[in-house]
Protein backbone atom coordinates (compact mmCIF):
# COMPACT_ATOMS: atom_id res chain seq x y z
CA UNK A 1 81.48 2.17 -59.95
CA UNK A 2 82.10 -2.09 -58.30
CA UNK A 3 81.44 -3.04 -54.22
CA UNK A 4 81.53 -6.07 -53.68
CA UNK A 5 83.40 -6.81 -50.42
CA UNK A 6 85.76 -9.55 -50.56
CA UNK A 7 84.38 -13.07 -49.02
CA UNK A 8 87.86 -13.43 -46.53
CA UNK A 9 91.30 -13.10 -46.96
CA UNK A 10 91.09 -14.08 -51.27
CA UNK A 11 92.90 -12.99 -54.16
CA UNK A 12 90.45 -11.15 -56.25
CA UNK A 13 91.13 -11.65 -59.98
CA UNK A 14 89.09 -8.62 -61.79
CA UNK A 15 88.58 -9.09 -65.46
CA UNK A 16 87.80 -6.35 -68.44
CA UNK A 17 86.03 -7.16 -71.46
CA UNK A 18 83.74 -6.61 -73.78
CA UNK A 19 80.71 -6.77 -73.44
CA UNK A 20 79.20 -9.85 -75.44
CA UNK A 21 77.22 -13.24 -74.97
CA UNK A 22 78.78 -15.71 -73.36
CA UNK A 23 82.29 -14.45 -71.56
CA UNK A 24 80.92 -15.08 -68.36
CA UNK A 25 81.12 -18.52 -69.40
CA UNK A 26 84.39 -18.92 -70.60
CA UNK A 27 85.95 -16.98 -68.12
CA UNK A 28 83.99 -18.96 -65.49
CA UNK A 29 84.41 -22.47 -67.38
CA UNK A 30 89.02 -21.70 -68.11
CA UNK A 31 88.81 -21.34 -64.13
CA UNK A 32 87.90 -24.20 -63.85
CA UNK A 33 89.51 -26.17 -66.34
CA UNK A 34 93.03 -24.86 -64.15
CA UNK A 35 91.69 -25.65 -60.83
CA UNK A 36 90.01 -22.74 -59.88
CA UNK A 37 87.60 -22.17 -57.17
CA UNK A 38 85.29 -19.08 -57.64
CA UNK A 39 84.56 -18.01 -54.37
CA UNK A 40 82.52 -15.08 -54.94
CA UNK A 41 81.27 -13.38 -58.07
CA UNK A 42 79.99 -10.08 -59.81
CA UNK A 43 80.05 -9.02 -63.08
CA UNK A 44 78.48 -5.29 -64.39
CA UNK A 45 78.63 -3.62 -68.16
CA UNK A 46 77.81 -0.49 -69.16
CA UNK A 47 77.34 -0.55 -73.08
CA UNK A 48 80.11 -2.21 -74.96
CA UNK A 49 82.13 -2.95 -71.62
CA UNK A 50 82.05 -5.70 -68.68
CA UNK A 51 84.09 -6.24 -65.65
CA UNK A 52 84.44 -8.90 -63.84
CA UNK A 53 85.04 -9.06 -59.73
CA UNK A 54 85.62 -12.85 -59.18
CA UNK A 55 87.32 -13.93 -55.58
CA UNK A 56 89.04 -17.23 -55.50
CA UNK A 57 89.37 -19.35 -53.30
CA UNK A 58 92.29 -19.56 -52.37
CA UNK A 59 95.41 -17.45 -53.86
CA UNK A 60 97.64 -19.71 -56.58
CA UNK A 61 101.36 -19.26 -56.64
CA UNK A 62 103.32 -16.79 -58.11
CA UNK A 63 103.74 -19.10 -61.93
CA UNK A 64 99.90 -20.29 -61.50
CA UNK A 65 98.39 -16.70 -61.34
CA UNK A 66 101.02 -15.91 -64.42
CA UNK A 67 99.50 -19.06 -66.11
CA UNK A 68 95.75 -17.74 -64.78
CA UNK A 69 96.42 -14.93 -66.41
CA UNK A 70 98.00 -16.09 -69.48
CA UNK A 71 95.10 -18.03 -70.18
CA UNK A 72 91.86 -15.75 -68.95
CA UNK A 73 94.04 -13.16 -71.76
CA UNK A 74 94.04 -15.75 -74.68
CA UNK A 75 89.79 -15.36 -74.37
CA UNK A 76 88.37 -13.43 -77.76
CA UNK A 77 87.16 -10.46 -76.24
CA UNK A 78 89.14 -9.77 -72.38
CA UNK A 79 90.80 -6.14 -72.18
CA UNK A 80 92.33 -6.94 -69.28
CA UNK A 81 92.77 -8.40 -65.78
CA UNK A 82 94.83 -7.88 -62.50
CA UNK A 83 94.96 -9.64 -59.59
CA UNK A 84 94.60 -8.72 -56.02
CA UNK A 85 96.09 -10.34 -52.87
CA UNK A 86 94.45 -10.99 -50.20
CA UNK A 87 95.46 -8.60 -47.60
CA UNK A 88 96.67 -6.18 -50.43
CA UNK A 89 94.88 -2.63 -51.91
CA UNK A 90 97.05 -2.33 -54.94
CA UNK A 91 97.47 -5.57 -57.78
CA UNK A 92 99.67 -7.72 -57.41
CA UNK A 93 100.10 -8.73 -61.35
CA UNK A 94 98.88 -6.64 -64.41
CA UNK A 95 98.06 -7.90 -68.36
CA UNK A 96 96.34 -5.67 -70.90
CA UNK A 97 95.94 -7.29 -74.16
CA UNK A 98 96.14 -6.31 -77.36
CA UNK A 99 92.17 -5.64 -78.57
CA UNK A 100 90.56 -4.05 -81.89
CA UNK A 101 88.08 -1.16 -80.70
């Protein structure tokens, strides 16, 4: 269980990935390269799996959010991602990648 109260009314990007060195850097660099600012982040792991909750400073429009998930999904080791929009408790966008286990 990961608890991270949101900083304000931000969108949250949740990412499940393989727990390997460099993943956090790849994720944050990808977001920064797309002009997405991170207002808050938490990373936790158990054995071979890691979970990241990333609060975005602003909620991108739907097209940009799909691009973000596509780019994050292209990173080797990302298993799935979901977006929780501001003021909603359920995921708005969900994506599962094909991953060898």
